[in-house]
């Protein structure tokens, strides 16, 4: 099992969610977050002797745990549907999961998904 964390634009959430469901990937958590990746150009926090706040735009963080065989499909779906071609489209991280357990039934492993 792998955990996929995707940071995407809020306006792409419903599109990505629907595309993942169509691909048979269900079960995710979405959180409102703020952040910025690698800045391009000169973005010094000082201007004319004054300090200013660096803007952190709103994003959505999707978290899902998928079977190993579904990782590539999930990433492909997210890439296709979250991409606008503009700076700030987001990032995808894949993290190994050692195990999982459903609290209600006590099921473990892939049965939890």
Protein backbone atom coordinates (compact mmCIF):
# COMPACT_ATOMS: atom_id res chain seq x y z
CA UNK A 1 0.00 0.00 0.00
CA UNK A 2 1.06 3.56 -0.67
CA UNK A 3 -0.19 6.91 0.57
CA UNK A 4 -0.55 9.56 -2.10
CA UNK A 5 -0.54 13.19 -1.02
CA UNK A 6 -1.39 15.66 -3.76
CA UNK A 7 -1.33 19.43 -3.32
CA UNK A 8 -3.59 20.94 -5.99
CA UNK A 9 -5.50 24.11 -6.84
CA UNK A 10 -8.91 24.35 -5.11
CA UNK A 11 -10.65 24.94 -8.45
CA UNK A 12 -9.47 21.52 -9.67
CA UNK A 13 -10.73 19.52 -6.65
CA UNK A 14 -14.11 18.42 -8.03
CA UNK A 15 -12.61 17.53 -11.42
CA UNK A 16 -9.85 15.43 -9.83
CA UNK A 17 -12.26 13.79 -7.39
CA UNK A 18 -14.67 12.80 -10.18
CA UNK A 19 -11.85 11.49 -12.39
CA UNK A 20 -10.45 9.36 -9.55
CA UNK A 21 -13.93 7.94 -8.88
CA UNK A 22 -14.33 7.12 -12.59
CA UNK A 23 -10.97 5.30 -12.43
CA UNK A 24 -12.24 3.22 -9.50
CA UNK A 25 -10.19 5.00 -6.86
CA UNK A 26 -12.39 6.05 -3.97
CA UNK A 27 -11.77 7.12 -0.43
CA UNK A 28 -9.79 10.25 0.14
CA UNK A 29 -9.36 13.10 2.57
CA UNK A 30 -9.24 16.71 1.39
CA UNK A 31 -7.85 19.50 3.56
CA UNK A 32 -7.64 23.22 2.91
CA UNK A 33 -4.01 24.29 3.15
CA UNK A 34 -1.87 27.27 2.16
CA UNK A 35 1.56 27.18 0.62
CA UNK A 36 3.97 28.04 -2.12
CA UNK A 37 6.61 25.96 -3.84
CA UNK A 38 9.89 27.04 -5.28
CA UNK A 39 9.69 30.75 -6.13
CA UNK A 40 10.83 31.97 -9.52
CA UNK A 41 12.52 35.31 -9.94
CA UNK A 42 13.60 37.67 -7.17
CA UNK A 43 11.12 37.57 -4.30
CA UNK A 44 13.02 39.29 -1.56
CA UNK A 45 10.98 39.90 1.63
CA UNK A 46 12.33 43.47 1.68
CA UNK A 47 11.27 46.32 -0.57
CA UNK A 48 12.46 49.89 -0.15
CA UNK A 49 13.61 49.20 3.37
CA UNK A 50 10.28 47.71 4.46
CA UNK A 51 9.45 44.09 5.09
CA UNK A 52 6.39 42.53 3.51
CA UNK A 53 4.54 39.25 3.92
CA UNK A 54 5.12 36.60 1.26
CA UNK A 55 1.75 35.47 -0.10
CA UNK A 56 0.82 31.83 0.43
CA UNK A 57 -2.04 30.97 -1.94
CA UNK A 58 -4.81 28.57 -0.92
CA UNK A 59 -4.40 24.95 -1.99
CA UNK A 60 -6.14 21.63 -1.34
CA UNK A 61 -4.25 18.64 0.00
CA UNK A 62 -5.67 15.28 -1.10
CA UNK A 63 -4.62 12.22 0.86
CA UNK A 64 -5.45 8.67 -0.17
CA UNK A 65 -4.08 5.21 0.47
CA UNK A 66 -4.14 2.89 -2.55
CA UNK A 67 -2.99 -0.60 -3.42
CA UNK A 68 0.49 -0.79 -4.93
CA UNK A 69 -0.95 -1.72 -8.33
CA UNK A 70 -3.18 1.42 -8.35
CA UNK A 71 -0.44 3.97 -7.62
CA UNK A 72 0.51 4.71 -11.23
CA UNK A 73 -3.14 5.02 -12.28
CA UNK A 74 -3.92 7.41 -9.42
CA UNK A 75 -0.91 9.58 -10.22
CA UNK A 76 -1.79 9.67 -13.93
CA UNK A 77 -5.39 10.69 -13.18
CA UNK A 78 -4.30 13.44 -10.79
CA UNK A 79 -1.69 14.76 -13.24
CA UNK A 80 -4.15 14.86 -16.15
CA UNK A 81 -6.94 16.53 -14.21
CA UNK A 82 -5.09 18.89 -11.86
CA UNK A 83 -2.77 20.38 -14.48
CA UNK A 84 -3.54 23.87 -15.77
CA UNK A 85 -0.07 24.50 -17.19
CA UNK A 86 0.42 27.51 -14.93
CA UNK A 87 2.94 27.89 -12.13
CA UNK A 88 1.49 26.63 -8.85
CA UNK A 89 -0.35 23.54 -10.15
CA UNK A 90 0.99 21.57 -7.18
CA UNK A 91 2.93 18.46 -6.26
CA UNK A 92 2.34 14.74 -5.70
CA UNK A 93 4.13 12.73 -3.02
CA UNK A 94 4.06 8.92 -2.65
CA UNK A 95 4.75 7.44 0.78
CA UNK A 96 4.97 3.72 1.69
CA UNK A 97 2.40 2.44 4.20
CA UNK A 98 3.44 -0.38 6.53
CA UNK A 99 -0.11 -1.40 7.41
CA UNK A 100 -3.70 -0.33 7.92
CA UNK A 101 -6.55 -1.40 10.15
CA UNK A 102 -10.27 -0.63 9.98
CA UNK A 103 -11.39 0.42 13.45
CA UNK A 104 -15.00 -0.75 13.16
CA UNK A 105 -14.35 -4.32 11.95
CA UNK A 106 -10.69 -4.94 12.74
CA UNK A 107 -9.92 -5.78 9.10
CA UNK A 108 -6.28 -5.31 8.11
CA UNK A 109 -4.20 -4.82 4.98
CA UNK A 110 -5.76 -4.28 1.55
CA UNK A 111 -9.19 -5.27 2.89
CA UNK A 112 -9.28 -1.87 4.63
CA UNK A 113 -9.24 -0.11 1.28
